[in-house]
Amino acid sequence: MPNYAEIGKVLYNIPNIKLSRQVLIPYGIEVSEVEDDLKLPFDDNFFDLIVNRHEAYCLSEVNRILKSGWIFITQQVGEKNNKELSKFLLDKIVEL
């Protein structure tokens, strides 16, 4: 099985950078801090896989650094997620 940590790189925004370095650097994964989504510090066609979770991203930059035909996965949550569940639960709250 390949050791993916040998080629791993992780980008994080400022609030997560310290914890990310503590956890990932011992595994040989490089952690980079990025403040500008419009100009990511990687060559064109650099990554086989990009995973984004709850962060902003610039699609043209993702396209630039992602190898042709490979995978970009993103999970986004907005104010209208679980709207029906939130309404149902909030309607059940009784003021004392």
C-alpha atoms as a PDB file:
ATOM      1  CA  MET A   1       0.000   0.000   0.000  1.00  0.00           C
ATOM      2  CA  PRO A   2       1.447   3.416  -0.931  1.00  0.00           C
ATOM      3  CA  ASN A   3       2.418   5.842   1.811  1.00  0.00           C
ATOM      4  CA  TYR A   4       0.249   8.813   0.873  1.00  0.00           C
ATOM      5  CA  ALA A   5       1.717  10.895   3.709  1.00  0.00           C
ATOM      6  CA  GLU A   6       4.940  11.147   1.702  1.00  0.00           C
ATOM      7  CA  ILE A   7       3.214  13.380  -0.815  1.00  0.00           C
ATOM      8  CA  GLY A   8       0.563  14.850   1.463  1.00  0.00           C
ATOM      9  CA  LYS A   9      -0.060  18.534   1.805  1.00  0.00           C
ATOM     10  CA  VAL A  10      -2.798  20.194   3.797  1.00  0.00           C
ATOM     11  CA  LEU A  11      -4.000  23.789   3.623  1.00  0.00           C
ATOM     12  CA  TYR A  12      -5.747  25.363   6.556  1.00  0.00           C
ATOM     13  CA  ASN A  13      -7.037  28.746   7.483  1.00  0.00           C
ATOM     14  CA  ILE A  14      -5.581  30.477  10.525  1.00  0.00           C
ATOM     15  CA  PRO A  15      -7.834  29.110  13.353  1.00  0.00           C
ATOM     16  CA  ASN A  16      -6.904  25.486  12.573  1.00  0.00           C
ATOM     17  CA  ILE A  17      -3.221  25.829  11.744  1.00  0.00           C
ATOM     18  CA  LYS A  18      -1.681  25.085  15.171  1.00  0.00           C
ATOM     19  CA  LEU A  19      -3.690  21.917  15.825  1.00  0.00           C
ATOM     20  CA  SER A  20      -3.215  20.740  12.240  1.00  0.00           C
ATOM     21  CA  ARG A  21       0.556  21.031  12.535  1.00  0.00           C
ATOM     22  CA  GLN A  22       0.600  19.207  15.882  1.00  0.00           C
ATOM     23  CA  VAL A  23      -1.417  16.294  14.502  1.00  0.00           C
ATOM     24  CA  LEU A  24      -0.204  15.970  10.899  1.00  0.00           C
ATOM     25  CA  ILE A  25       3.487  16.894  10.815  1.00  0.00           C
ATOM     26  CA  PRO A  26       4.505  13.756  12.801  1.00  0.00           C
ATOM     27  CA  TYR A  27       3.021  11.747   9.901  1.00  0.00           C
ATOM     28  CA  GLY A  28       5.159  13.592   7.362  1.00  0.00           C
ATOM     29  CA  ILE A  29       2.300  15.686   6.027  1.00  0.00           C
ATOM     30  CA  GLU A  30       3.183  19.272   5.160  1.00  0.00           C
ATOM     31  CA  VAL A  31       0.719  21.837   6.522  1.00  0.00           C
ATOM     32  CA  SER A  32       0.576  25.223   4.770  1.00  0.00           C
ATOM     33  CA  GLU A  33      -1.239  28.343   5.900  1.00  0.00           C
ATOM     34  CA  VAL A  34      -3.309  30.033   3.205  1.00  0.00           C
ATOM     35  CA  GLU A  35      -4.947  33.427   3.542  1.00  0.00           C
ATOM     36  CA  ASP A  36      -5.790  34.080  -0.114  1.00  0.00           C
ATOM     37  CA  ASP A  37      -8.016  31.572  -1.917  1.00  0.00           C
ATOM     38  CA  LEU A  38      -7.425  33.437  -5.178  1.00  0.00           C
ATOM     39  CA  LYS A  39      -3.738  32.443  -5.452  1.00  0.00           C
ATOM     40  CA  LEU A  40      -2.855  29.069  -3.939  1.00  0.00           C
ATOM     41  CA  PRO A  41       0.890  28.355  -3.555  1.00  0.00           C
ATOM     42  CA  PHE A  42       1.044  25.284  -5.816  1.00  0.00           C
ATOM     43  CA  ASP A  43       2.058  24.537  -9.382  1.00  0.00           C
ATOM     44  CA  ASP A  44      -0.542  23.804 -12.041  1.00  0.00           C
ATOM     45  CA  ASN A  45      -1.793  20.190 -12.099  1.00  0.00           C
ATOM     46  CA  PHE A  46      -0.274  19.475  -8.668  1.00  0.00           C
ATOM     47  CA  PHE A  47      -2.939  17.428  -6.829  1.00  0.00           C
ATOM     48  CA  ASP A  48      -4.741  14.160  -7.592  1.00  0.00           C
ATOM     49  CA  LEU A  49      -7.370  14.908  -4.932  1.00  0.00           C
ATOM     50  CA  ILE A  50      -8.568  18.082  -3.207  1.00  0.00           C
ATOM     51  CA  VAL A  51     -10.957  17.890  -0.250  1.00  0.00           C
ATOM     52  CA  ASN A  52     -12.618  21.056   1.060  1.00  0.00           C
ATOM     53  CA  ARG A  53     -14.795  21.063   4.157  1.00  0.00           C
ATOM     54  CA  HIS A  54     -16.772  24.172   5.117  1.00  0.00           C
ATOM     55  CA  GLU A  55     -14.239  26.590   3.606  1.00  0.00           C
ATOM     56  CA  ALA A  56     -14.444  29.150   0.856  1.00  0.00           C
ATOM     57  CA  TYR A  57     -12.643  28.293  -2.354  1.00  0.00           C
ATOM     58  CA  CYS A  58     -11.940  29.768  -5.749  1.00  0.00           C
ATOM     59  CA  LEU A  59     -13.073  27.257  -8.364  1.00  0.00           C
ATOM     60  CA  SER A  60     -10.614  28.536 -10.977  1.00  0.00           C
ATOM     61  CA  GLU A  61      -7.731  27.953  -8.523  1.00  0.00           C
ATOM     62  CA  VAL A  62      -9.008  24.470  -7.676  1.00  0.00           C
ATOM     63  CA  ASN A  63      -9.171  23.734 -11.399  1.00  0.00           C
ATOM     64  CA  ARG A  64      -5.651  25.099 -11.915  1.00  0.00           C
ATOM     65  CA  ILE A  65      -3.947  22.998  -9.207  1.00  0.00           C
ATOM     66  CA  LEU A  66      -6.002  19.814  -9.700  1.00  0.00           C
ATOM     67  CA  LYS A  67      -4.657  17.305 -12.213  1.00  0.00           C
ATOM     68  CA  SER A  68      -6.892  16.838 -15.237  1.00  0.00           C
ATOM     69  CA  GLY A  69      -9.529  14.167 -14.690  1.00  0.00           C
ATOM     70  CA  TRP A  70      -8.950  13.897 -10.930  1.00  0.00           C
ATOM     71  CA  ILE A  71     -11.260  14.654  -7.993  1.00  0.00           C
ATOM     72  CA  PHE A  72     -12.451  17.703  -6.013  1.00  0.00           C
ATOM     73  CA  ILE A  73     -14.747  16.998  -3.044  1.00  0.00           C
ATOM     74  CA  THR A  74     -16.380  19.798  -1.067  1.00  0.00           C
ATOM     75  CA  GLN A  75     -18.862  19.861   1.795  1.00  0.00           C
ATOM     76  CA  GLN A  76     -20.665  23.148   2.315  1.00  0.00           C
ATOM     77  CA  VAL A  77     -23.283  24.127   4.866  1.00  0.00           C
ATOM     78  CA  GLY A  78     -25.446  27.219   4.615  1.00  0.00           C
ATOM     79  CA  GLU A  79     -28.123  29.006   6.588  1.00  0.00           C
ATOM     80  CA  LYS A  80     -30.923  27.005   4.964  1.00  0.00           C
ATOM     81  CA  ASN A  81     -29.530  23.555   5.742  1.00  0.00           C
ATOM     82  CA  ASN A  82     -31.869  21.552   7.960  1.00  0.00           C
ATOM     83  CA  LYS A  83     -34.429  24.360   7.703  1.00  0.00           C
ATOM     84  CA  GLU A  84     -37.389  22.020   8.271  1.00  0.00           C
ATOM     85  CA  LEU A  85     -35.736  20.288  11.243  1.00  0.00           C
ATOM     86  CA  SER A  86     -34.793  23.610  12.849  1.00  0.00           C
ATOM     87  CA  LYS A  87     -38.342  24.942  12.471  1.00  0.00           C
ATOM     88  CA  PHE A  88     -39.787  21.748  13.921  1.00  0.00           C
ATOM     89  CA  LEU A  89     -37.488  21.880  16.958  1.00  0.00           C
ATOM     90  CA  LEU A  90     -37.869  25.618  17.533  1.00  0.00           C
ATOM     91  CA  ASP A  91     -41.665  25.369  17.396  1.00  0.00           C
ATOM     92  CA  LYS A  92     -41.482  22.876  20.292  1.00  0.00           C
ATOM     93  CA  ILE A  93     -39.637  25.261  22.629  1.00  0.00           C
ATOM     94  CA  VAL A  94     -41.855  26.482  25.442  1.00  0.00           C
ATOM     95  CA  GLU A  95     -41.021  29.660  27.337  1.00  0.00           C
ATOM     96  CA  LEU A  96     -41.136  29.293  31.116  1.00  0.00           C
END
